[in-house]
C-alpha atoms as a PDB file:
ATOM      1  CA  UNK A   1     128.579 147.839 423.256  1.00  0.00           C
ATOM      2  CA  UNK A   2     129.948 149.600 426.350  1.00  0.00           C
ATOM      3  CA  UNK A   3     133.516 148.867 425.261  1.00  0.00           C
ATOM      4  CA  UNK A   4     133.039 150.112 421.700  1.00  0.00           C
ATOM      5  CA  UNK A   5     134.886 153.250 420.617  1.00  0.00           C
ATOM      6  CA  UNK A   6     133.149 156.590 420.230  1.00  0.00           C
ATOM      7  CA  UNK A   7     133.514 156.333 416.470  1.00  0.00           C
ATOM      8  CA  UNK A   8     131.912 152.883 416.364  1.00  0.00           C
ATOM      9  CA  UNK A   9     129.017 154.020 418.522  1.00  0.00           C
ATOM     10  CA  UNK A  10     128.608 157.217 416.534  1.00  0.00           C
ATOM     11  CA  UNK A  11     128.426 155.338 413.250  1.00  0.00           C
ATOM     12  CA  UNK A  12     125.779 153.043 414.673  1.00  0.00           C
ATOM     13  CA  UNK A  13     123.814 155.872 416.269  1.00  0.00           C
ATOM     14  CA  UNK A  14     123.796 157.849 413.022  1.00  0.00           C
ATOM     15  CA  UNK A  15     122.304 154.776 411.412  1.00  0.00           C
ATOM     16  CA  UNK A  16     119.437 154.790 413.887  1.00  0.00           C
ATOM     17  CA  UNK A  17     120.782 152.297 416.463  1.00  0.00           C
ATOM     18  CA  UNK A  18     119.142 153.445 419.688  1.00  0.00           C
ATOM     19  CA  UNK A  19     121.300 151.144 421.837  1.00  0.00           C
ATOM     20  CA  UNK A  20     124.424 152.835 420.474  1.00  0.00           C
ATOM     21  CA  UNK A  21     122.948 156.252 421.204  1.00  0.00           C
ATOM     22  CA  UNK A  22     122.093 155.184 424.752  1.00  0.00           C
ATOM     23  CA  UNK A  23     125.653 153.886 425.244  1.00  0.00           C
ATOM     24  CA  UNK A  24     127.045 157.283 424.192  1.00  0.00           C
ATOM     25  CA  UNK A  25     124.651 159.091 426.501  1.00  0.00           C
ATOM     26  CA  UNK A  26     125.674 156.888 429.430  1.00  0.00           C
ATOM     27  CA  UNK A  27     129.349 157.311 428.623  1.00  0.00           C
ATOM     28  CA  UNK A  28     129.301 161.101 428.577  1.00  0.00           C
ATOM     29  CA  UNK A  29     126.655 162.066 431.088  1.00  0.00           C
ATOM     30  CA  UNK A  30     128.961 162.034 434.167  1.00  0.00           C
ATOM     31  CA  UNK A  31     131.479 164.304 432.441  1.00  0.00           C
ATOM     32  CA  UNK A  32     128.821 166.711 431.170  1.00  0.00           C
ATOM     33  CA  UNK A  33     127.258 166.741 434.642  1.00  0.00           C
ATOM     34  CA  UNK A  34     130.641 167.522 436.239  1.00  0.00           C
ATOM     35  CA  UNK A  35     131.211 170.345 433.761  1.00  0.00           C
ATOM     36  CA  UNK A  36     127.761 171.741 434.544  1.00  0.00           C
ATOM     37  CA  UNK A  37     128.445 171.573 438.270  1.00  0.00           C
ATOM     38  CA  UNK A  38     131.780 173.372 437.937  1.00  0.00           C
ATOM     39  CA  UNK A  39     130.430 176.066 435.628  1.00  0.00           C
ATOM     40  CA  UNK A  40     126.985 176.624 437.161  1.00  0.00           C
ATOM     41  CA  UNK A  41     127.683 175.801 440.797  1.00  0.00           C
ATOM     42  CA  UNK A  42     124.147 174.552 441.360  1.00  0.00           C
ATOM     43  CA  UNK A  43     122.901 170.933 441.150  1.00  0.00           C
ATOM     44  CA  UNK A  44     119.577 171.916 439.609  1.00  0.00           C
ATOM     45  CA  UNK A  45     121.298 173.995 436.940  1.00  0.00           C
ATOM     46  CA  UNK A  46     123.786 171.180 436.289  1.00  0.00           C
ATOM     47  CA  UNK A  47     120.862 168.769 435.884  1.00  0.00           C
ATOM     48  CA  UNK A  48     119.234 171.099 433.349  1.00  0.00           C
ATOM     49  CA  UNK A  49     122.520 171.525 431.457  1.00  0.00           C
ATOM     50  CA  UNK A  50     123.011 167.758 431.348  1.00  0.00           C
ATOM     51  CA  UNK A  51     119.479 167.077 430.143  1.00  0.00           C
ATOM     52  CA  UNK A  52     119.494 169.782 427.485  1.00  0.00           C
ATOM     53  CA  UNK A  53     122.955 168.770 426.261  1.00  0.00           C
ATOM     54  CA  UNK A  54     122.082 165.097 425.902  1.00  0.00           C
ATOM     55  CA  UNK A  55     118.768 165.920 424.245  1.00  0.00           C
ATOM     56  CA  UNK A  56     120.641 168.131 421.782  1.00  0.00           C
ATOM     57  CA  UNK A  57     123.034 165.253 421.168  1.00  0.00           C
ATOM     58  CA  UNK A  58     120.156 162.838 420.557  1.00  0.00           C
ATOM     59  CA  UNK A  59     118.524 165.290 418.144  1.00  0.00           C
ATOM     60  CA  UNK A  60     121.700 166.093 416.261  1.00  0.00           C
ATOM     61  CA  UNK A  61     123.670 162.842 416.255  1.00  0.00           C
ATOM     62  CA  UNK A  62     122.533 161.832 412.763  1.00  0.00           C
ATOM     63  CA  UNK A  63     123.840 165.106 411.357  1.00  0.00           C
ATOM     64  CA  UNK A  64     127.113 165.034 413.298  1.00  0.00           C
ATOM     65  CA  UNK A  65     129.903 164.288 410.830  1.00  0.00           C
ATOM     66  CA  UNK A  66     132.898 164.425 413.132  1.00  0.00           C
ATOM     67  CA  UNK A  67     134.463 167.709 412.050  1.00  0.00           C
ATOM     68  CA  UNK A  68     135.432 167.934 415.720  1.00  0.00           C
ATOM     69  CA  UNK A  69     135.630 165.252 418.393  1.00  0.00           C
ATOM     70  CA  UNK A  70     132.460 164.109 420.108  1.00  0.00           C
ATOM     71  CA  UNK A  71     133.650 165.519 423.436  1.00  0.00           C
ATOM     72  CA  UNK A  72     134.407 168.903 421.861  1.00  0.00           C
ATOM     73  CA  UNK A  73     130.927 168.966 420.324  1.00  0.00           C
ATOM     74  CA  UNK A  74     129.255 168.071 423.623  1.00  0.00           C
ATOM     75  CA  UNK A  75     131.205 170.593 425.699  1.00  0.00           C
ATOM     76  CA  UNK A  76     130.381 173.284 423.150  1.00  0.00           C
ATOM     77  CA  UNK A  77     126.691 172.482 423.566  1.00  0.00           C
ATOM     78  CA  UNK A  78     126.968 172.270 427.366  1.00  0.00           C
ATOM     79  CA  UNK A  79     128.804 175.578 427.534  1.00  0.00           C
ATOM     80  CA  UNK A  80     126.037 177.336 425.621  1.00  0.00           C
ATOM     81  CA  UNK A  81     123.490 176.129 428.176  1.00  0.00           C
ATOM     82  CA  UNK A  82     125.771 177.146 431.063  1.00  0.00           C
ATOM     83  CA  UNK A  83     125.994 180.663 429.623  1.00  0.00           C
ATOM     84  CA  UNK A  84     122.205 180.836 429.454  1.00  0.00           C
ATOM     85  CA  UNK A  85     122.024 179.779 433.098  1.00  0.00           C
ATOM     86  CA  UNK A  86     124.507 182.466 434.137  1.00  0.00           C
ATOM     87  CA  UNK A  87     122.540 185.114 432.268  1.00  0.00           C
ATOM     88  CA  UNK A  88     119.521 184.184 434.357  1.00  0.00           C
ATOM     89  CA  UNK A  89     121.645 184.995 437.432  1.00  0.00           C
ATOM     90  CA  UNK A  90     120.881 181.820 439.341  1.00  0.00           C
ATOM     91  CA  UNK A  91     124.609 181.399 439.943  1.00  0.00           C
ATOM     92  CA  UNK A  92     125.063 184.845 441.386  1.00  0.00           C
ATOM     93  CA  UNK A  93     128.134 187.089 441.621  1.00  0.00           C
ATOM     94  CA  UNK A  94     128.344 186.219 445.323  1.00  0.00           C
ATOM     95  CA  UNK A  95     130.798 183.513 444.315  1.00  0.00           C
ATOM     96  CA  UNK A  96     132.786 185.808 442.047  1.00  0.00           C
ATOM     97  CA  UNK A  97     134.789 187.454 444.786  1.00  0.00           C
ATOM     98  CA  UNK A  98     138.549 187.550 444.832  1.00  0.00           C
ATOM     99  CA  UNK A  99     140.237 184.247 445.469  1.00  0.00           C
ATOM    100  CA  UNK A 100     142.038 185.667 448.495  1.00  0.00           C
ATOM    101  CA  UNK A 101     138.732 186.737 450.018  1.00  0.00           C
ATOM    102  CA  UNK A 102     137.044 183.487 449.135  1.00  0.00           C
ATOM    103  CA  UNK A 103     139.601 181.423 451.035  1.00  0.00           C
ATOM    104  CA  UNK A 104     140.591 183.812 453.801  1.00  0.00           C
ATOM    105  CA  UNK A 105     138.515 181.969 456.410  1.00  0.00           C
ATOM    106  CA  UNK A 106     140.121 179.584 458.845  1.00  0.00           C
ATOM    107  CA  UNK A 107     140.751 176.089 457.521  1.00  0.00           C
ATOM    108  CA  UNK A 108     142.796 173.079 458.481  1.00  0.00           C
ATOM    109  CA  UNK A 109     146.257 172.696 457.095  1.00  0.00           C
ATOM    110  CA  UNK A 110     146.679 169.577 455.002  1.00  0.00           C
ATOM    111  CA  UNK A 111     148.359 167.158 457.421  1.00  0.00           C
ATOM    112  CA  UNK A 112     151.137 164.743 456.737  1.00  0.00           C
ATOM    113  CA  UNK A 113     149.834 161.708 454.823  1.00  0.00           C
ATOM    114  CA  UNK A 114     148.650 158.901 457.072  1.00  0.00           C
ATOM    115  CA  UNK A 115     146.064 156.155 456.738  1.00  0.00           C
ATOM    116  CA  UNK A 116     142.653 156.152 458.278  1.00  0.00           C
ATOM    117  CA  UNK A 117     139.633 158.480 458.614  1.00  0.00           C
ATOM    118  CA  UNK A 118     141.690 161.603 459.293  1.00  0.00           C
ATOM    119  CA  UNK A 119     143.439 161.298 455.921  1.00  0.00           C
ATOM    120  CA  UNK A 120     140.077 160.896 454.199  1.00  0.00           C
ATOM    121  CA  UNK A 121     138.768 163.971 456.014  1.00  0.00           C
ATOM    122  CA  UNK A 122     141.815 166.014 455.005  1.00  0.00           C
ATOM    123  CA  UNK A 123     141.367 164.886 451.402  1.00  0.00           C
ATOM    124  CA  UNK A 124     137.756 166.017 451.414  1.00  0.00           C
ATOM    125  CA  UNK A 125     138.760 169.349 452.930  1.00  0.00           C
ATOM    126  CA  UNK A 126     141.379 170.099 450.295  1.00  0.00           C
ATOM    127  CA  UNK A 127     138.914 169.044 447.581  1.00  0.00           C
ATOM    128  CA  UNK A 128     136.414 171.515 449.018  1.00  0.00           C
ATOM    129  CA  UNK A 129     139.019 174.295 449.065  1.00  0.00           C
ATOM    130  CA  UNK A 130     139.935 173.533 445.461  1.00  0.00           C
ATOM    131  CA  UNK A 131     136.275 173.586 444.439  1.00  0.00           C
ATOM    132  CA  UNK A 132     135.805 176.982 446.080  1.00  0.00           C
ATOM    133  CA  UNK A 133     138.933 178.335 444.436  1.00  0.00           C
ATOM    134  CA  UNK A 134     137.725 177.242 441.003  1.00  0.00           C
ATOM    135  CA  UNK A 135     134.241 178.614 441.659  1.00  0.00           C
ATOM    136  CA  UNK A 136     135.735 181.992 442.593  1.00  0.00           C
ATOM    137  CA  UNK A 137     137.370 182.384 439.180  1.00  0.00           C
ATOM    138  CA  UNK A 138     135.745 184.658 436.639  1.00  0.00           C
ATOM    139  CA  UNK A 139     133.813 182.393 434.218  1.00  0.00           C
ATOM    140  CA  UNK A 140     136.174 183.159 431.319  1.00  0.00           C
ATOM    141  CA  UNK A 141     139.064 181.723 433.330  1.00  0.00           C
ATOM    142  CA  UNK A 142     137.064 179.005 435.058  1.00  0.00           C
ATOM    143  CA  UNK A 143     135.867 177.413 431.829  1.00  0.00           C
ATOM    144  CA  UNK A 144     139.397 177.247 430.418  1.00  0.00           C
ATOM    145  CA  UNK A 145     140.791 175.606 433.541  1.00  0.00           C
ATOM    146  CA  UNK A 146     137.876 173.162 433.832  1.00  0.00           C
ATOM    147  CA  UNK A 147     138.073 172.093 430.193  1.00  0.00           C
ATOM    148  CA  UNK A 148     141.874 171.809 430.097  1.00  0.00           C
ATOM    149  CA  UNK A 149     142.920 170.656 433.570  1.00  0.00           C
ATOM    150  CA  UNK A 150     139.822 168.798 434.784  1.00  0.00           C
ATOM    151  CA  UNK A 151     138.147 167.490 431.636  1.00  0.00           C
ATOM    152  CA  UNK A 152     141.496 166.941 429.906  1.00  0.00           C
ATOM    153  CA  UNK A 153     140.816 168.563 426.530  1.00  0.00           C
ATOM    154  CA  UNK A 154     143.782 169.741 424.503  1.00  0.00           C
ATOM    155  CA  UNK A 155     144.360 173.472 424.189  1.00  0.00           C
ATOM    156  CA  UNK A 156     143.214 173.436 420.515  1.00  0.00           C
ATOM    157  CA  UNK A 157     140.042 171.571 421.523  1.00  0.00           C
ATOM    158  CA  UNK A 158     139.367 174.096 424.287  1.00  0.00           C
ATOM    159  CA  UNK A 159     139.859 176.881 421.750  1.00  0.00           C
ATOM    160  CA  UNK A 160     137.289 175.227 419.491  1.00  0.00           C
ATOM    161  CA  UNK A 161     134.755 174.891 422.305  1.00  0.00           C
ATOM    162  CA  UNK A 162     135.170 178.530 423.325  1.00  0.00           C
ATOM    163  CA  UNK A 163     135.512 179.986 419.846  1.00  0.00           C
ATOM    164  CA  UNK A 164     138.789 181.747 420.624  1.00  0.00           C
ATOM    165  CA  UNK A 165     142.415 181.332 419.571  1.00  0.00           C
ATOM    166  CA  UNK A 166     144.793 178.818 421.120  1.00  0.00           C
ATOM    167  CA  UNK A 167     147.044 181.619 422.366  1.00  0.00           C
ATOM    168  CA  UNK A 168     144.106 183.193 424.182  1.00  0.00           C
ATOM    169  CA  UNK A 169     143.295 179.830 425.752  1.00  0.00           C
ATOM    170  CA  UNK A 170     146.840 179.444 427.023  1.00  0.00           C
ATOM    171  CA  UNK A 171     146.994 182.996 428.341  1.00  0.00           C
ATOM    172  CA  UNK A 172     143.771 182.533 430.310  1.00  0.00           C
ATOM    173  CA  UNK A 173     144.878 179.082 431.449  1.00  0.00           C
ATOM    174  CA  UNK A 174     148.147 180.338 432.927  1.00  0.00           C
ATOM    175  CA  UNK A 175     146.330 183.056 434.858  1.00  0.00           C
ATOM    176  CA  UNK A 176     143.699 180.619 436.113  1.00  0.00           C
ATOM    177  CA  UNK A 177     146.278 178.074 437.241  1.00  0.00           C
ATOM    178  CA  UNK A 178     148.276 180.663 439.162  1.00  0.00           C
ATOM    179  CA  UNK A 179     145.167 182.103 440.801  1.00  0.00           C
ATOM    180  CA  UNK A 180     143.928 178.714 441.985  1.00  0.00           C
ATOM    181  CA  UNK A 181     147.391 177.753 443.182  1.00  0.00           C
ATOM    182  CA  UNK A 182     147.619 180.977 445.192  1.00  0.00           C
ATOM    183  CA  UNK A 183     144.229 180.362 446.758  1.00  0.00           C
ATOM    184  CA  UNK A 184     144.913 176.828 447.982  1.00  0.00           C
ATOM    185  CA  UNK A 185     148.602 177.311 448.825  1.00  0.00           C
ATOM    186  CA  UNK A 186     147.949 177.595 452.605  1.00  0.00           C
ATOM    187  CA  UNK A 187     146.364 174.141 452.521  1.00  0.00           C
ATOM    188  CA  UNK A 188     149.170 172.381 450.626  1.00  0.00           C
ATOM    189  CA  UNK A 189     151.615 172.412 453.500  1.00  0.00           C
ATOM    190  CA  UNK A 190     154.240 174.229 451.385  1.00  0.00           C
ATOM    191  CA  UNK A 191     156.155 177.225 452.737  1.00  0.00           C
ATOM    192  CA  UNK A 192     156.124 179.881 450.007  1.00  0.00           C
ATOM    193  CA  UNK A 193     157.342 182.843 452.026  1.00  0.00           C
ATOM    194  CA  UNK A 194     159.630 185.360 450.388  1.00  0.00           C
ATOM    195  CA  UNK A 195     163.329 184.635 450.851  1.00  0.00           C
ATOM    196  CA  UNK A 196     166.441 186.600 449.842  1.00  0.00           C
ATOM    197  CA  UNK A 197     167.105 186.646 446.132  1.00  0.00           C
ATOM    198  CA  UNK A 198     168.958 183.622 444.855  1.00  0.00           C
ATOM    199  CA  UNK A 199     172.624 184.484 444.513  1.00  0.00           C
ATOM    200  CA  UNK A 200     171.770 188.164 444.824  1.00  0.00           C
ATOM    201  CA  UNK A 201     169.805 188.017 441.562  1.00  0.00           C
ATOM    202  CA  UNK A 202     166.090 188.180 440.831  1.00  0.00           C
ATOM    203  CA  UNK A 203     164.561 184.726 440.393  1.00  0.00           C
ATOM    204  CA  UNK A 204     162.668 184.165 437.147  1.00  0.00           C
ATOM    205  CA  UNK A 205     158.898 183.867 437.076  1.00  0.00           C
ATOM    206  CA  UNK A 206     159.029 180.118 437.576  1.00  0.00           C
ATOM    207  CA  UNK A 207     155.268 179.690 437.969  1.00  0.00           C
ATOM    208  CA  UNK A 208     154.410 181.148 434.584  1.00  0.00           C
ATOM    209  CA  UNK A 209     157.363 179.393 432.962  1.00  0.00           C
ATOM    210  CA  UNK A 210     156.364 176.061 434.463  1.00  0.00           C
ATOM    211  CA  UNK A 211     152.764 176.462 433.283  1.00  0.00           C
ATOM    212  CA  UNK A 212     153.998 177.435 429.814  1.00  0.00           C
ATOM    213  CA  UNK A 213     156.344 174.445 429.812  1.00  0.00           C
ATOM    214  CA  UNK A 214     153.358 172.162 430.390  1.00  0.00           C
ATOM    215  CA  UNK A 215     151.761 173.610 427.260  1.00  0.00           C
ATOM    216  CA  UNK A 216     154.932 173.195 425.182  1.00  0.00           C
ATOM    217  CA  UNK A 217     155.518 176.932 424.928  1.00  0.00           C
ATOM    218  CA  UNK A 218     159.146 177.230 425.974  1.00  0.00           C
ATOM    219  CA  UNK A 219     162.234 176.139 424.088  1.00  0.00           C
ATOM    220  CA  UNK A 220     164.472 173.245 425.059  1.00  0.00           C
ATOM    221  CA  UNK A 221     167.256 175.699 425.902  1.00  0.00           C
ATOM    222  CA  UNK A 222     165.042 177.716 428.229  1.00  0.00           C
ATOM    223  CA  UNK A 223     163.767 174.492 429.785  1.00  0.00           C
ATOM    224  CA  UNK A 224     167.334 173.371 430.491  1.00  0.00           C
ATOM    225  CA  UNK A 225     168.132 176.797 431.936  1.00  0.00           C
ATOM    226  CA  UNK A 226     165.119 176.544 434.250  1.00  0.00           C
ATOM    227  CA  UNK A 227     166.122 173.058 435.402  1.00  0.00           C
ATOM    228  CA  UNK A 228     169.587 174.332 436.332  1.00  0.00           C
ATOM    229  CA  UNK A 229     168.024 177.189 438.301  1.00  0.00           C
ATOM    230  CA  UNK A 230     165.697 174.817 440.164  1.00  0.00           C
ATOM    231  CA  UNK A 231     168.652 172.609 441.067  1.00  0.00           C
ATOM    232  CA  UNK A 232     170.205 175.565 442.883  1.00  0.00           C
ATOM    233  CA  UNK A 233     167.125 177.393 444.233  1.00  0.00           C
ATOM    234  CA  UNK A 234     165.090 175.605 446.881  1.00  0.00           C
ATOM    235  CA  UNK A 235     162.442 178.319 447.029  1.00  0.00           C
ATOM    236  CA  UNK A 236     161.695 178.068 443.314  1.00  0.00           C
ATOM    237  CA  UNK A 237     161.606 174.270 443.556  1.00  0.00           C
ATOM    238  CA  UNK A 238     158.962 174.592 446.255  1.00  0.00           C
ATOM    239  CA  UNK A 239     157.053 177.142 444.189  1.00  0.00           C
ATOM    240  CA  UNK A 240     156.957 174.823 441.183  1.00  0.00           C
ATOM    241  CA  UNK A 241     155.977 171.907 443.401  1.00  0.00           C
ATOM    242  CA  UNK A 242     153.002 173.887 444.707  1.00  0.00           C
ATOM    243  CA  UNK A 243     151.745 174.399 441.159  1.00  0.00           C
ATOM    244  CA  UNK A 244     152.421 170.771 440.291  1.00  0.00           C
ATOM    245  CA  UNK A 245     150.352 169.641 443.268  1.00  0.00           C
ATOM    246  CA  UNK A 246     147.587 172.093 442.416  1.00  0.00           C
ATOM    247  CA  UNK A 247     147.322 170.680 438.887  1.00  0.00           C
ATOM    248  CA  UNK A 248     147.458 167.127 440.218  1.00  0.00           C
ATOM    249  CA  UNK A 249     144.447 167.973 442.373  1.00  0.00           C
ATOM    250  CA  UNK A 250     142.654 169.395 439.341  1.00  0.00           C
ATOM    251  CA  UNK A 251     143.422 166.280 437.309  1.00  0.00           C
ATOM    252  CA  UNK A 252     142.076 164.059 440.091  1.00  0.00           C
ATOM    253  CA  UNK A 253     138.743 165.845 440.574  1.00  0.00           C
ATOM    254  CA  UNK A 254     136.362 162.888 440.783  1.00  0.00           C
ATOM    255  CA  UNK A 255     133.752 162.270 438.145  1.00  0.00           C
ATOM    256  CA  UNK A 256     130.470 162.612 440.033  1.00  0.00           C
ATOM    257  CA  UNK A 257     127.831 159.954 440.049  1.00  0.00           C
ATOM    258  CA  UNK A 258     124.800 161.375 438.302  1.00  0.00           C
ATOM    259  CA  UNK A 259     121.861 161.093 440.733  1.00  0.00           C
ATOM    260  CA  UNK A 260     119.364 158.360 439.892  1.00  0.00           C
ATOM    261  CA  UNK A 261     116.564 160.907 439.605  1.00  0.00           C
ATOM    262  CA  UNK A 262     118.562 162.896 437.065  1.00  0.00           C
ATOM    263  CA  UNK A 263     119.425 159.787 435.063  1.00  0.00           C
ATOM    264  CA  UNK A 264     115.762 158.792 435.033  1.00  0.00           C
ATOM    265  CA  UNK A 265     114.691 162.268 433.926  1.00  0.00           C
ATOM    266  CA  UNK A 266     117.231 162.232 431.084  1.00  0.00           C
ATOM    267  CA  UNK A 267     116.225 158.714 430.054  1.00  0.00           C
ATOM    268  CA  UNK A 268     112.541 159.657 429.937  1.00  0.00           C
ATOM    269  CA  UNK A 269     113.197 162.850 427.969  1.00  0.00           C
ATOM    270  CA  UNK A 270     115.349 161.044 425.417  1.00  0.00           C
ATOM    271  CA  UNK A 271     112.793 158.244 425.235  1.00  0.00           C
ATOM    272  CA  UNK A 272     110.018 160.690 424.426  1.00  0.00           C
ATOM    273  CA  UNK A 273     112.210 162.308 421.775  1.00  0.00           C
ATOM    274  CA  UNK A 274     112.984 158.976 420.112  1.00  0.00           C
ATOM    275  CA  UNK A 275     109.359 157.880 420.278  1.00  0.00           C
ATOM    276  CA  UNK A 276     108.338 161.118 418.602  1.00  0.00           C
ATOM    277  CA  UNK A 277     110.918 160.566 415.868  1.00  0.00           C
ATOM    278  CA  UNK A 278     109.631 157.020 415.237  1.00  0.00           C
ATOM    279  CA  UNK A 279     106.073 158.245 414.902  1.00  0.00           C
ATOM    280  CA  UNK A 280     106.897 160.811 412.218  1.00  0.00           C
END
């Protein structure tokens, strides 16, 4: 059952197969929990978001007809609960300072790669800096970056979750990526200081162009033009590399293990819901 596709499990769950429903809940709860943690910034709030989202899934699975993907449906539900949590001000504006201010404190530079405990410590430190940079984003930018670059949804799927256009998603995404990159740049070990203009001419906005390239927004001709520029301009190569490494860090954000107590709470809540359905 654990290896079955979402569609197979969905079909069985819609038919009343409780084992299939449980398999779906187990499959998605770490991702929903991670989304709740990134958007709410508080373990208790993330637990509530996870529980309410999975309960909503259990209640609505029989009526879900797949107009969107299961993940899109679940993130849409989870986002609605995250918004409710923010409105209650438990995740306060204290975290919504500028990214420069949020990361202006002293921190260790990311050292050269080497095996052993020091490398693990450096990895944890850069993960913490990335987490703080993401948390410092305004929610409208944070949710786009989390859904696209951490959870791996397509831009159209993100647009569906947020109820906005794809172009708006991409615009917010580019701004979020550049802001996070700027915040963690001191910890990437990349020198991004200003240098004289390449060949006496103004360099193009390689960061925005590179981000747009990743979303398929620039033409083949412009892409080729950019590659020629990067071949000749070391500074712009380093600038693009800093964004590439930032996105690689986002893509590698670990899926958290849902605490046993949270899993038990979800299991009991879903069990009560199913028992109530059987008795009616």
